[in-house]
Amino acid sequence: MTATAPVHGTWEPRPAARWEDAFLSGNGHHGALVFGDPDHERVIVTHHTLVRPNGRDPRPPQLADALPALQDRLLAGDRTAAESFTDSRPLQWVQPFHPAFQVRLRRPPADCPDYRRDVDFTTGVVSATCAGWTGRVFVSRADDVIVHHLTGPGLTLDIDLDHRLPGAPAGLGIGHGAVLTPEGALLSLRARYPDGDRACTGVTQVTVTGGTTTLVPPGVRVEGARSVLVLTRVHRHTGELDVVAEGRALRDLPQEYDELLDRHTALHRTAYERVTLDLAADPAERALPGSELLTRPRSAALLERLFAAGRYHLLSASGLFPPRLTGLWTGDWNTAWSGAFTNDANLNLQTASAAAAALPEVTEAHANLIHRQLPDWRENARAIFGTRGVVAPAHTDGESGHVYHYNREYPLHLWTAGADWLLKPLVDHDETHGTRDPRTAAALAEVAVFYEDFLTRTDEHGHLVVVPSYSPENRPANASWGTLNAAMDLSAARHALRTAAAYHPGPDADRWHALADRLPPHRINEDGALAEWA
């Protein structure tokens, strides 16, 4: 860090006491939460695929045959009609995102003067230093592995994998493995979910330089080492994972920290350094730890660091999937709102800055999630509305794109704006780059086709009516949650039809433009604001 340029990182003078305060690293697949405690270091390991089976039924409700009667009742003024438009199943949450385990490294307590904990946004390296001891962690974009390197005179460490994190189910089937290898040791931890054959297994290769390694089940003890390199991967799987083969794969990677880091930073740094924000902040404030800088809300240095941190974490959470509600990180098996991809607001907002922030990696991760789930979106449209095209769910765990998270109070299966809302960041990317991704074009056409089949009812003025209509966060006065013409639904329908037309000039475009023109205008209320319901 320098005092003459924006700070691309943050630091603290103490280790983290809670997982919520850990520094983060990630490559869009694996994530690491690093506490930075030299006496009892903990690195919580996460992976985007880690969701806990919860017995949910992911089928969309088969309601299409009942839709015309519901529309008749709503148009006739029955504002509670939508409350009975369900298949009577109870509310089902999507499968919750959870951590894998923590890698624990304990050493004999010792004085630790001049302690400092850092995260470098340009490299993704989280480090902690004191009195000749250094611990550094990053998650490699090149090799998809969590790299943890410790150096110091005469390192003595007990290393093990520990699943005991907040909320861990009592019924988990836990199996540990520990064997010595010529390099040091190979550790494994398998957590089998209750009532099924699905499991997640982590494998950790420990390479020791200049010391001895002995088994201390369920882990190992390292004594008198100059350095220790810890490489960790986790897999979600059915049946058994071949731990020996995974150990060979880890040993086949470079075993030098600097080489692993160079391979990673060639990818990470290139993306991170495309954009920076320089507000000519006070150099003294730029040098402050993050916790102190947060007490100065009017500081330009705080804005610089928040901008840099936002881009760093957005990039680090995006790869296999875009960010979940908690990005790529959690230290609790009961993460709020299941740690899901929440489509009815958050996911679009989390990725909306990707184009302006020059992070096409984020847009591609977002696109990958959408395109993997399009078959499920088609089934939602057919089952619930009896239409062609696609309807997106309000929540997804990344595995299923079906609509099944809803109940009487929150009829999320009535929300039709989701597909257009989620495609908007992909359209922004195309507009920013002056290109048109054929995958986005095809998905937009499917949204337009849905509206062609769905928008069949009209009001007394000849305007099309969105019926049923639902606004996820705003209930209309004196009515049920599901009614007519939510502002969000009108905007989504109009935008989807016109945007699809721009991607598909010709007869389809003419038809979609004509349909968009028949939608009613938004209503302005007595306060001069856009009314939530038209």
Protein backbone atom coordinates (compact mmCIF):
# COMPACT_ATOMS: atom_id res chain seq x y z
CA MET A 1 0.00 0.00 0.00
CA THR A 2 1.14 3.56 -0.68
CA ALA A 3 0.12 6.93 0.68
CA THR A 4 0.06 8.65 -2.72
CA ALA A 5 -2.39 6.46 -4.64
CA PRO A 6 -5.71 4.77 -3.86
CA VAL A 7 -5.32 1.82 -1.52
CA HIS A 8 -6.08 -1.49 -3.22
CA GLY A 9 -6.68 -3.49 -0.08
CA THR A 10 -7.56 -3.09 3.56
CA TRP A 11 -6.04 -4.10 6.88
CA GLU A 12 -6.70 -4.54 10.59
CA PRO A 13 -4.42 -4.56 13.65
CA ARG A 14 -6.13 -7.62 15.18
CA PRO A 15 -7.25 -11.08 14.05
CA ALA A 16 -10.91 -11.68 13.28
CA ALA A 17 -12.95 -13.01 16.19
CA ARG A 18 -16.05 -13.95 14.12
CA TRP A 19 -16.41 -15.44 10.66
CA GLU A 20 -18.33 -12.32 9.63
CA ASP A 21 -15.13 -10.30 10.18
CA ALA A 22 -12.77 -12.67 8.36
CA PHE A 23 -10.97 -11.43 5.25
CA LEU A 24 -12.12 -13.09 2.05
CA SER A 25 -10.53 -14.66 -0.99
CA GLY A 26 -12.18 -16.54 -3.83
CA ASN A 27 -11.96 -17.63 -7.45
CA GLY A 28 -15.65 -17.96 -8.30
CA HIS A 29 -15.62 -21.67 -7.37
CA HIS A 30 -13.83 -22.03 -4.01
CA GLY A 31 -13.92 -19.43 -1.27
CA ALA A 32 -11.83 -18.89 1.86
CA LEU A 33 -12.62 -16.93 5.03
CA VAL A 34 -9.36 -16.18 6.83
CA PHE A 35 -9.25 -15.22 10.53
CA GLY A 36 -5.52 -14.45 10.69
CA ASP A 37 -4.92 -15.69 14.25
CA PRO A 38 -1.24 -16.74 14.57
CA ASP A 39 -1.92 -19.02 17.57
CA HIS A 40 -5.07 -20.67 16.21
CA GLU A 41 -5.48 -19.89 12.53
CA ARG A 42 -8.78 -20.89 10.95
CA VAL A 43 -9.57 -20.86 7.25
CA ILE A 44 -13.21 -21.68 6.47
CA VAL A 45 -13.55 -23.41 3.10
CA THR A 46 -16.59 -22.84 0.87
CA HIS A 47 -17.63 -23.82 -2.64
CA HIS A 48 -20.48 -22.55 -4.81
CA THR A 49 -21.94 -26.07 -5.20
CA LEU A 50 -22.32 -26.74 -1.46
CA VAL A 51 -26.06 -26.78 -0.80
CA ARG A 52 -27.64 -29.04 1.80
CA PRO A 53 -30.49 -31.37 0.71
CA ASN A 54 -33.64 -30.41 2.58
CA GLY A 55 -36.30 -32.69 1.13
CA ARG A 56 -37.86 -30.02 -1.06
CA ASP A 57 -40.03 -30.94 -4.04
CA PRO A 58 -38.63 -28.85 -6.91
CA ARG A 59 -41.52 -29.37 -9.31
CA PRO A 60 -43.41 -26.22 -10.35
CA PRO A 61 -47.10 -26.26 -9.42
CA GLN A 62 -49.41 -27.54 -12.17
CA LEU A 63 -51.85 -24.62 -12.21
CA ALA A 64 -52.27 -23.69 -15.87
CA ASP A 65 -55.77 -25.15 -16.17
CA ALA A 66 -56.98 -22.98 -13.29
CA LEU A 67 -55.44 -19.75 -14.61
CA PRO A 68 -58.40 -18.50 -16.74
CA ALA A 69 -60.77 -18.74 -13.76
CA LEU A 70 -58.30 -16.85 -11.56
CA GLN A 71 -57.99 -14.11 -14.18
CA ASP A 72 -61.78 -13.84 -14.41
CA ARG A 73 -62.10 -13.41 -10.65
CA LEU A 74 -59.33 -10.81 -10.39
CA LEU A 75 -60.72 -8.79 -13.31
CA ALA A 76 -64.18 -8.92 -11.71
CA GLY A 77 -62.77 -7.25 -8.58
CA ASP A 78 -62.06 -10.22 -6.32
CA ARG A 79 -58.81 -8.95 -4.83
CA THR A 80 -58.21 -12.08 -2.73
CA ALA A 81 -58.65 -14.61 -5.52
CA ALA A 82 -54.95 -15.33 -5.88
CA GLU A 83 -54.69 -16.61 -2.31
CA SER A 84 -56.19 -19.95 -3.32
CA PHE A 85 -54.15 -20.25 -6.55
CA THR A 86 -51.69 -22.84 -5.23
CA ASP A 87 -51.28 -26.60 -5.15
CA SER A 88 -51.57 -26.45 -1.34
CA ARG A 89 -47.99 -27.48 -0.62
CA PRO A 90 -46.29 -25.80 2.36
CA LEU A 91 -43.58 -23.19 1.87
CA GLN A 92 -40.36 -24.85 0.70
CA TRP A 93 -37.06 -23.08 0.98
CA VAL A 94 -34.39 -23.76 -1.58
CA GLN A 95 -31.47 -25.92 -0.46
CA PRO A 96 -29.32 -23.82 1.90
CA PHE A 97 -25.77 -22.85 1.02
CA HIS A 98 -23.28 -23.98 3.66
CA PRO A 99 -19.55 -24.05 4.47
CA ALA A 100 -17.52 -27.22 4.01
CA PHE A 101 -15.24 -27.13 7.08
CA GLN A 102 -12.42 -25.13 8.59
CA VAL A 103 -8.73 -25.85 8.20
CA ARG A 104 -7.28 -25.33 11.69
CA LEU A 105 -3.61 -24.62 12.33
CA ARG A 106 -2.64 -24.33 15.99
CA ARG A 107 0.78 -23.46 17.30
CA PRO A 108 2.10 -23.03 20.86
CA PRO A 109 1.01 -19.63 22.20
CA ALA A 110 3.67 -16.98 21.77
CA ASP A 111 4.03 -13.23 21.92
CA CYS A 112 3.08 -11.63 18.62
CA PRO A 113 4.23 -7.99 18.49
CA ASP A 114 3.60 -5.77 15.47
CA TYR A 115 0.65 -7.85 14.32
CA ARG A 116 -1.10 -6.89 11.07
CA ARG A 117 -3.80 -8.56 8.96
CA ASP A 118 -4.18 -7.54 5.29
CA VAL A 119 -6.08 -8.38 2.15
CA ASP A 120 -4.51 -7.29 -1.15
CA PHE A 121 -7.26 -6.71 -3.72
CA THR A 122 -4.81 -6.79 -6.63
CA THR A 123 -3.76 -10.39 -5.88
CA GLY A 124 -6.49 -11.80 -3.65
CA VAL A 125 -3.88 -12.67 -1.00
CA VAL A 126 -4.96 -12.48 2.64
CA SER A 127 -1.96 -12.26 4.95
CA ALA A 128 -1.16 -11.99 8.63
CA THR A 129 2.26 -11.16 10.03
CA CYS A 130 3.97 -10.76 13.39
CA ALA A 131 7.44 -11.31 14.87
CA GLY A 132 8.89 -13.21 11.93
CA TRP A 133 5.76 -15.34 11.40
CA THR A 134 3.76 -14.98 8.18
CA GLY A 135 0.61 -16.68 6.96
CA ARG A 136 -0.70 -16.06 3.44
CA VAL A 137 -3.86 -17.41 1.78
CA PHE A 138 -5.30 -17.04 -1.72
CA VAL A 139 -7.69 -19.01 -3.93
CA SER A 140 -6.14 -19.74 -7.30
CA ARG A 141 -7.99 -18.87 -10.49
CA ALA A 142 -5.42 -20.87 -12.45
CA ASP A 143 -5.46 -24.11 -10.45
CA ASP A 144 -8.79 -23.96 -8.54
CA VAL A 145 -7.20 -24.64 -5.17
CA ILE A 146 -6.99 -22.83 -1.83
CA VAL A 147 -3.33 -22.06 -1.16
CA HIS A 148 -2.15 -21.45 2.41
CA HIS A 149 1.56 -20.78 3.02
CA LEU A 150 3.17 -20.31 6.43
CA THR A 151 6.75 -19.30 7.13
CA GLY A 152 8.69 -18.67 10.31
CA PRO A 153 11.58 -19.98 12.37
CA GLY A 154 11.02 -23.48 13.72
CA LEU A 155 7.32 -23.72 12.87
CA THR A 156 5.41 -26.11 15.12
CA LEU A 157 1.80 -26.66 14.10
CA ASP A 158 -1.11 -29.03 14.65
CA ILE A 159 -3.19 -29.15 11.45
CA ASP A 160 -6.65 -30.70 11.06
CA LEU A 161 -9.94 -30.33 9.18
CA ASP A 162 -12.94 -29.54 11.39
CA HIS A 163 -16.59 -29.54 10.29
CA ARG A 164 -17.86 -28.12 13.58
CA LEU A 165 -19.19 -24.77 12.45
CA PRO A 166 -22.38 -23.00 13.57
CA GLY A 167 -25.54 -24.81 12.51
CA ALA A 168 -23.85 -28.03 11.38
CA PRO A 169 -26.60 -30.72 11.36
CA ALA A 170 -26.28 -33.36 14.05
CA GLY A 171 -27.01 -36.08 11.51
CA LEU A 172 -23.98 -35.47 9.31
CA GLY A 173 -21.94 -38.58 8.66
CA ILE A 174 -18.36 -37.44 9.24
CA GLY A 175 -15.29 -39.37 8.13
CA HIS A 176 -11.69 -38.24 8.60
CA GLY A 177 -8.57 -39.43 6.84
CA ALA A 178 -4.91 -38.70 7.53
CA VAL A 179 -1.87 -40.36 5.96
CA LEU A 180 1.77 -39.38 5.81
CA THR A 181 3.30 -38.74 2.38
CA PRO A 182 6.89 -38.08 1.26
CA GLU A 183 6.01 -34.37 1.11
CA GLY A 184 4.23 -34.22 4.47
CA ALA A 185 0.66 -35.49 4.78
CA LEU A 186 -2.71 -35.88 3.07
CA LEU A 187 -5.83 -35.03 5.10
CA SER A 188 -9.45 -35.56 4.13
CA LEU A 189 -12.87 -34.90 5.61
CA ARG A 190 -16.11 -36.30 4.24
CA ALA A 191 -19.48 -34.95 5.41
CA ARG A 192 -22.38 -37.11 4.23
CA TYR A 193 -25.77 -35.39 4.38
CA PRO A 194 -28.51 -37.14 6.37
CA ASP A 195 -30.98 -39.36 4.50
CA GLY A 196 -29.21 -39.75 1.19
CA ASP A 197 -26.03 -40.59 -0.69
CA ARG A 198 -24.86 -37.02 -1.31
CA ALA A 199 -21.76 -35.76 0.43
CA CYS A 200 -19.00 -33.18 0.27
CA THR A 201 -15.37 -34.15 0.69
CA GLY A 202 -12.38 -31.93 1.27
CA VAL A 203 -8.82 -32.98 0.58
CA THR A 204 -5.79 -31.12 1.93
CA GLN A 205 -2.18 -31.73 0.89
CA VAL A 206 0.40 -30.58 3.48
CA THR A 207 3.92 -30.01 2.18
CA VAL A 208 6.56 -29.40 4.84
CA THR A 209 10.01 -27.88 4.31
CA GLY A 210 12.76 -28.40 6.87
CA GLY A 211 10.82 -30.17 9.59
CA THR A 212 9.12 -33.41 10.67
CA THR A 213 5.52 -34.57 10.32
CA THR A 214 3.73 -37.09 12.54
CA LEU A 215 0.15 -38.31 12.64
CA VAL A 216 -2.02 -36.93 15.45
CA PRO A 217 -5.48 -38.17 14.39
CA PRO A 218 -7.58 -36.69 12.94
CA GLY A 219 -4.73 -34.43 11.80
CA VAL A 220 -0.97 -34.08 11.80
CA ARG A 221 1.74 -32.32 13.79
CA VAL A 222 4.52 -30.42 12.07
CA GLU A 223 7.63 -29.59 14.10
CA GLY A 224 10.71 -27.49 13.37
CA ALA A 225 9.67 -26.48 9.82
CA ARG A 226 10.82 -23.45 7.86
CA SER A 227 7.64 -23.36 5.81
CA VAL A 228 4.39 -25.25 5.37
CA LEU A 229 2.29 -25.24 2.18
CA VAL A 230 -1.35 -26.31 2.55
CA LEU A 231 -3.41 -26.96 -0.61
CA THR A 232 -7.14 -27.63 -0.24
CA ARG A 233 -10.00 -28.55 -2.56
CA VAL A 234 -13.57 -29.59 -1.80
CA HIS A 235 -16.05 -31.50 -3.96
CA ARG A 236 -19.79 -32.11 -3.65
CA HIS A 237 -20.63 -35.56 -4.96
CA THR A 238 -22.75 -38.68 -4.77
CA GLY A 239 -21.26 -41.97 -3.69
CA GLU A 240 -17.58 -41.94 -2.75
CA LEU A 241 -14.82 -39.57 -3.83
CA ASP A 242 -11.42 -41.05 -4.72
CA VAL A 243 -9.33 -39.25 -2.10
CA VAL A 244 -6.11 -40.89 -3.28
CA ALA A 245 -6.62 -39.63 -6.84
CA GLU A 246 -7.46 -36.16 -5.56
CA GLY A 247 -4.30 -36.23 -3.45
CA ARG A 248 -2.25 -37.08 -6.55
CA ALA A 249 -3.88 -34.19 -8.39
CA LEU A 250 -2.85 -31.80 -5.62
CA ARG A 251 0.71 -33.15 -5.59
CA ASP A 252 0.88 -32.67 -9.36
CA LEU A 253 0.42 -28.91 -8.88
CA PRO A 254 3.47 -26.69 -8.42
CA GLN A 255 4.67 -27.03 -4.84
CA GLU A 256 6.28 -23.58 -4.66
CA TYR A 257 4.13 -20.77 -3.29
CA ASP A 258 5.53 -18.11 -5.63
CA GLU A 259 4.86 -20.20 -8.73
CA LEU A 260 1.28 -20.88 -7.65
CA LEU A 261 0.78 -17.18 -6.95
CA ASP A 262 2.20 -16.08 -10.31
CA ARG A 263 -0.13 -18.43 -12.18
CA HIS A 264 -3.09 -17.02 -10.27
CA THR A 265 -2.28 -13.33 -10.41
CA ALA A 266 -1.85 -13.43 -14.19
CA LEU A 267 -5.63 -13.92 -14.29
CA HIS A 268 -6.84 -12.09 -11.18
CA ARG A 269 -4.71 -8.95 -11.45
CA THR A 270 -5.55 -8.51 -15.14
CA ALA A 271 -9.25 -8.33 -14.30
CA TYR A 272 -8.93 -6.29 -11.11
CA GLU A 273 -6.68 -3.56 -12.51
CA ARG A 274 -8.93 -2.63 -15.44
CA VAL A 275 -10.59 0.11 -13.36
CA THR A 276 -9.58 2.23 -10.40
CA LEU A 277 -11.17 5.17 -8.58
CA ASP A 278 -8.94 8.05 -7.47
CA LEU A 279 -10.66 10.82 -5.48
CA ALA A 280 -7.38 12.44 -4.36
CA ALA A 281 -8.13 11.37 -0.79
CA ASP A 282 -6.06 12.38 2.21
CA PRO A 283 -2.97 10.09 2.30
CA ALA A 284 -3.26 9.79 6.07
CA GLU A 285 -6.83 8.50 5.77
CA ARG A 286 -5.85 6.12 2.99
CA ALA A 287 -3.40 4.50 5.44
CA LEU A 288 -6.04 3.80 8.12
CA PRO A 289 -7.34 0.31 8.92
CA GLY A 290 -10.78 -0.40 7.56
CA SER A 291 -12.51 -0.42 10.94
CA GLU A 292 -11.26 3.11 11.67
CA LEU A 293 -11.98 4.39 8.17
CA LEU A 294 -15.61 3.28 8.56
CA THR A 295 -15.99 5.81 11.39
CA ARG A 296 -15.37 8.61 8.84
CA PRO A 297 -18.40 8.35 6.53
CA ARG A 298 -17.57 11.60 4.70
CA SER A 299 -14.04 10.48 3.86
CA ALA A 300 -13.04 10.27 0.19
CA ALA A 301 -10.63 7.51 1.21
CA LEU A 302 -13.57 5.46 2.46
CA LEU A 303 -15.33 5.82 -0.91
CA GLU A 304 -12.16 4.79 -2.74
CA ARG A 305 -11.76 1.71 -0.58
CA LEU A 306 -15.42 0.72 -0.79
CA PHE A 307 -15.27 0.98 -4.58
CA ALA A 308 -12.12 -1.15 -4.69
CA ALA A 309 -13.53 -3.69 -2.21
CA GLY A 310 -16.76 -3.94 -4.17
CA ARG A 311 -14.96 -4.80 -7.40
CA TYR A 312 -12.63 -7.22 -5.60
CA HIS A 313 -15.40 -9.17 -3.91
CA LEU A 314 -17.65 -9.15 -6.99
CA LEU A 315 -14.82 -10.60 -9.08
CA SER A 316 -13.79 -13.09 -6.39
CA ALA A 317 -17.35 -14.43 -5.97
CA SER A 318 -17.99 -14.93 -9.71
CA GLY A 319 -17.02 -17.94 -11.80
CA LEU A 320 -19.04 -21.13 -11.71
CA PHE A 321 -21.95 -18.95 -10.53
CA PRO A 322 -22.43 -15.23 -9.92
CA PRO A 323 -22.52 -14.09 -6.27
CA ARG A 324 -25.03 -15.61 -3.88
CA LEU A 325 -26.66 -13.41 -1.25
CA THR A 326 -23.46 -13.84 0.78
CA GLY A 327 -21.19 -13.83 -2.26
CA LEU A 328 -19.17 -17.04 -2.13
CA TRP A 329 -18.71 -17.10 1.63
CA THR A 330 -20.45 -18.21 4.79
CA GLY A 331 -19.36 -19.60 8.13
CA ASP A 332 -22.81 -20.88 9.15
CA TRP A 333 -24.83 -23.87 7.96
CA ASN A 334 -28.00 -21.81 8.45
CA THR A 335 -27.14 -18.81 6.31
CA ALA A 336 -29.85 -16.13 6.20
CA TRP A 337 -32.37 -16.65 3.39
CA SER A 338 -30.57 -19.94 2.65
CA GLY A 339 -27.64 -18.01 1.10
CA ALA A 340 -29.54 -18.42 -2.16
CA PHE A 341 -29.55 -16.56 -5.43
CA THR A 342 -32.48 -14.22 -4.73
CA ASN A 343 -33.77 -13.29 -8.15
CA ASP A 344 -36.61 -10.95 -7.22
CA ALA A 345 -34.14 -8.18 -6.44
CA ASN A 346 -30.66 -9.09 -5.30
CA LEU A 347 -28.97 -11.06 -8.08
CA ASN A 348 -29.59 -8.42 -10.74
CA LEU A 349 -28.49 -5.66 -8.37
CA GLN A 350 -25.36 -7.57 -7.35
CA THR A 351 -24.25 -7.97 -10.97
CA ALA A 352 -25.63 -4.72 -12.42
CA SER A 353 -22.32 -2.90 -12.00
CA ALA A 354 -20.30 -5.51 -13.91
CA ALA A 355 -20.41 -3.68 -17.25
CA ALA A 356 -19.49 -0.27 -15.82
CA ALA A 357 -16.85 -1.88 -13.57
CA ALA A 358 -15.22 -3.69 -16.53
CA LEU A 359 -15.78 -7.16 -15.13
CA PRO A 360 -17.05 -9.34 -17.99
CA GLU A 361 -16.09 -12.34 -15.85
CA VAL A 362 -19.07 -11.47 -13.62
CA THR A 363 -21.46 -11.14 -16.56
CA GLU A 364 -20.33 -14.49 -17.94
CA ALA A 365 -20.92 -16.17 -14.56
CA HIS A 366 -24.39 -14.59 -14.43
CA ALA A 367 -25.09 -15.76 -18.00
CA ASN A 368 -23.94 -19.30 -17.20
CA LEU A 369 -26.45 -19.59 -14.35
CA ILE A 370 -29.29 -18.34 -16.54
CA HIS A 371 -28.54 -20.53 -19.53
CA ARG A 372 -28.14 -23.67 -17.40
CA GLN A 373 -31.59 -23.08 -15.92
CA LEU A 374 -33.54 -22.13 -19.06
CA PRO A 375 -35.06 -25.64 -19.41
CA ASP A 376 -36.53 -25.26 -15.90
CA TRP A 377 -37.77 -21.75 -16.75
CA ARG A 378 -39.61 -23.22 -19.75
CA GLU A 379 -41.27 -25.79 -17.51
CA ASN A 380 -42.37 -23.01 -15.11
CA ALA A 381 -44.11 -21.16 -17.94
CA ARG A 382 -45.88 -24.29 -19.18
CA ALA A 383 -46.92 -25.63 -15.75
CA ILE A 384 -48.12 -22.42 -14.08
CA PHE A 385 -49.30 -20.27 -16.99
CA GLY A 386 -49.84 -22.71 -19.85
CA THR A 387 -47.62 -20.69 -22.17
CA ARG A 388 -44.56 -21.02 -24.32
CA GLY A 389 -41.42 -19.16 -23.34
CA VAL A 390 -39.80 -18.81 -19.92
CA VAL A 391 -40.61 -17.73 -16.36
CA ALA A 392 -37.78 -17.36 -13.81
CA PRO A 393 -38.11 -18.34 -10.14
CA ALA A 394 -37.79 -15.84 -7.31
CA HIS A 395 -35.17 -18.01 -5.58
CA THR A 396 -32.73 -20.67 -6.71
CA ASP A 397 -30.01 -22.69 -5.00
CA GLY A 398 -28.09 -22.98 -8.27
CA GLU A 399 -29.26 -26.53 -8.92
CA SER A 400 -32.92 -26.05 -9.79
CA GLY A 401 -34.48 -23.18 -11.76
CA HIS A 402 -38.00 -24.35 -11.00
CA VAL A 403 -40.57 -22.27 -9.16
CA TYR A 404 -41.34 -23.97 -5.86
CA HIS A 405 -40.64 -21.35 -3.15
CA TYR A 406 -44.00 -19.70 -2.50
CA ASN A 407 -46.95 -19.70 -0.12
CA ARG A 408 -50.25 -17.89 0.43
CA GLU A 409 -48.67 -14.81 2.00
CA TYR A 410 -45.84 -14.59 -0.54
CA PRO A 411 -47.18 -16.00 -3.84
CA LEU A 412 -43.82 -15.84 -5.58
CA HIS A 413 -45.06 -18.22 -8.28
CA LEU A 414 -47.14 -15.31 -9.65
CA TRP A 415 -44.03 -13.22 -10.35
CA THR A 416 -43.55 -12.96 -14.11
CA ALA A 417 -40.98 -10.14 -14.27
CA GLY A 418 -38.00 -12.29 -13.30
CA ALA A 419 -36.68 -13.38 -16.69
CA ASP A 420 -36.47 -9.84 -18.05
CA TRP A 421 -35.01 -8.56 -14.76
CA LEU A 422 -32.27 -11.20 -14.78
CA LEU A 423 -31.43 -10.71 -18.46
CA LYS A 424 -31.00 -6.94 -18.05
CA PRO A 425 -27.29 -7.17 -16.96
CA LEU A 426 -26.59 -9.27 -20.07
CA VAL A 427 -28.24 -6.63 -22.25
CA ASP A 428 -26.19 -3.94 -20.46
CA HIS A 429 -23.04 -5.90 -21.27
CA ASP A 430 -23.95 -6.08 -24.96
CA GLU A 431 -24.76 -2.37 -25.10
CA THR A 432 -21.49 -1.52 -23.37
CA HIS A 433 -19.40 -3.66 -25.71
CA GLY A 434 -21.35 -2.96 -28.90
CA THR A 435 -22.09 -6.65 -29.46
CA ARG A 436 -25.11 -8.93 -29.28
CA ASP A 437 -24.58 -12.30 -27.67
CA PRO A 438 -26.68 -14.85 -29.57
CA ARG A 439 -27.49 -16.61 -26.28
CA THR A 440 -28.97 -13.42 -24.88
CA ALA A 441 -30.89 -12.86 -28.11
CA ALA A 442 -32.39 -16.34 -27.93
CA ALA A 443 -33.37 -15.96 -24.26
CA LEU A 444 -34.99 -12.57 -24.92
CA ALA A 445 -37.06 -14.13 -27.69
CA GLU A 446 -38.33 -16.74 -25.24
CA VAL A 447 -39.36 -14.01 -22.81
CA ALA A 448 -41.21 -12.18 -25.58
CA VAL A 449 -42.98 -15.38 -26.62
CA PHE A 450 -44.13 -15.86 -23.02
CA TYR A 451 -45.72 -12.41 -23.04
CA GLU A 452 -47.37 -13.11 -26.37
CA ASP A 453 -49.17 -16.06 -24.78
CA PHE A 454 -49.73 -14.51 -21.35
CA LEU A 455 -50.96 -11.00 -22.20
CA THR A 456 -54.42 -11.88 -23.48
CA ARG A 457 -56.76 -9.90 -21.20
CA THR A 458 -57.72 -6.23 -21.69
CA ASP A 459 -59.37 -3.48 -19.66
CA GLU A 460 -62.18 -1.14 -20.59
CA HIS A 461 -59.71 1.17 -22.38
CA GLY A 462 -58.34 -1.61 -24.56
CA HIS A 463 -55.06 -1.79 -22.66
CA LEU A 464 -53.55 -5.18 -21.92
CA VAL A 465 -53.73 -6.25 -18.28
CA VAL A 466 -51.00 -8.14 -16.44
CA VAL A 467 -53.16 -10.60 -14.50
CA PRO A 468 -52.22 -12.07 -12.11
CA SER A 469 -49.55 -9.57 -11.11
CA TYR A 470 -47.24 -9.55 -8.12
CA SER A 471 -44.78 -7.12 -6.56
CA PRO A 472 -42.45 -9.04 -4.21
CA GLU A 473 -41.98 -6.29 -1.63
CA ASN A 474 -45.14 -4.17 -1.88
CA ARG A 475 -48.67 -5.26 -1.03
CA PRO A 476 -51.50 -3.17 -2.49
CA ALA A 477 -53.90 -1.51 -0.08
CA ASN A 478 -57.06 -3.51 0.69
CA ALA A 479 -55.99 -6.42 -1.52
CA SER A 480 -54.08 -9.64 -1.55
CA TRP A 481 -50.46 -9.76 -2.68
CA GLY A 482 -51.53 -11.02 -6.10
CA THR A 483 -53.67 -8.63 -8.17
CA LEU A 484 -53.33 -6.52 -11.36
CA ASN A 485 -50.68 -4.40 -13.12
CA ALA A 486 -47.77 -4.04 -10.72
CA ALA A 487 -45.39 -1.33 -11.95
CA MET A 488 -42.56 -3.88 -12.00
CA ASP A 489 -44.53 -6.27 -14.20
CA LEU A 490 -45.51 -3.53 -16.64
CA SER A 491 -41.92 -2.32 -16.91
CA ALA A 492 -40.58 -5.84 -17.40
CA ALA A 493 -43.13 -6.73 -20.07
CA ARG A 494 -42.57 -3.52 -21.98
CA HIS A 495 -38.78 -3.74 -21.72
CA ALA A 496 -38.65 -7.43 -22.65
CA LEU A 497 -40.83 -7.01 -25.74
CA ARG A 498 -38.98 -3.94 -27.01
CA THR A 499 -35.52 -5.33 -26.25
CA ALA A 500 -36.33 -8.65 -27.90
CA ALA A 501 -37.54 -6.69 -30.93
CA ALA A 502 -34.21 -4.81 -31.08
CA TYR A 503 -32.35 -8.15 -31.13
CA HIS A 504 -34.70 -9.69 -33.73
CA PRO A 505 -35.63 -7.16 -36.43
CA GLY A 506 -38.38 -8.31 -38.80
CA PRO A 507 -41.93 -9.64 -38.40
CA ASP A 508 -41.34 -10.79 -34.83
CA ALA A 509 -40.12 -7.31 -33.89
CA ASP A 510 -43.20 -5.66 -35.39
CA ARG A 511 -45.49 -7.99 -33.46
CA TRP A 512 -43.63 -7.50 -30.17
CA HIS A 513 -43.56 -3.71 -30.53
CA ALA A 514 -47.29 -3.70 -31.16
CA LEU A 515 -47.88 -5.78 -28.03
CA ALA A 516 -45.69 -3.47 -25.92
CA ASP A 517 -47.63 -0.44 -27.17
CA ARG A 518 -50.87 -1.92 -25.87
CA LEU A 519 -49.67 -2.05 -22.26
CA PRO A 520 -51.11 0.66 -19.97
CA PRO A 521 -48.99 3.62 -18.87
CA HIS A 522 -47.61 3.78 -15.37
CA ARG A 523 -49.70 5.72 -12.85
CA ILE A 524 -48.44 8.72 -10.90
CA ASN A 525 -49.87 8.97 -7.39
CA GLU A 526 -50.96 12.04 -5.41
CA ASP A 527 -47.40 12.53 -4.14
CA GLY A 528 -46.08 12.80 -7.69
CA ALA A 529 -44.33 9.44 -7.39
CA LEU A 530 -44.56 6.37 -9.59
CA ALA A 531 -47.39 4.26 -8.19
CA GLU A 532 -46.54 0.66 -7.41
CA TRP A 533 -49.86 -0.46 -8.95
CA ALA A 534 -51.23 1.01 -12.18
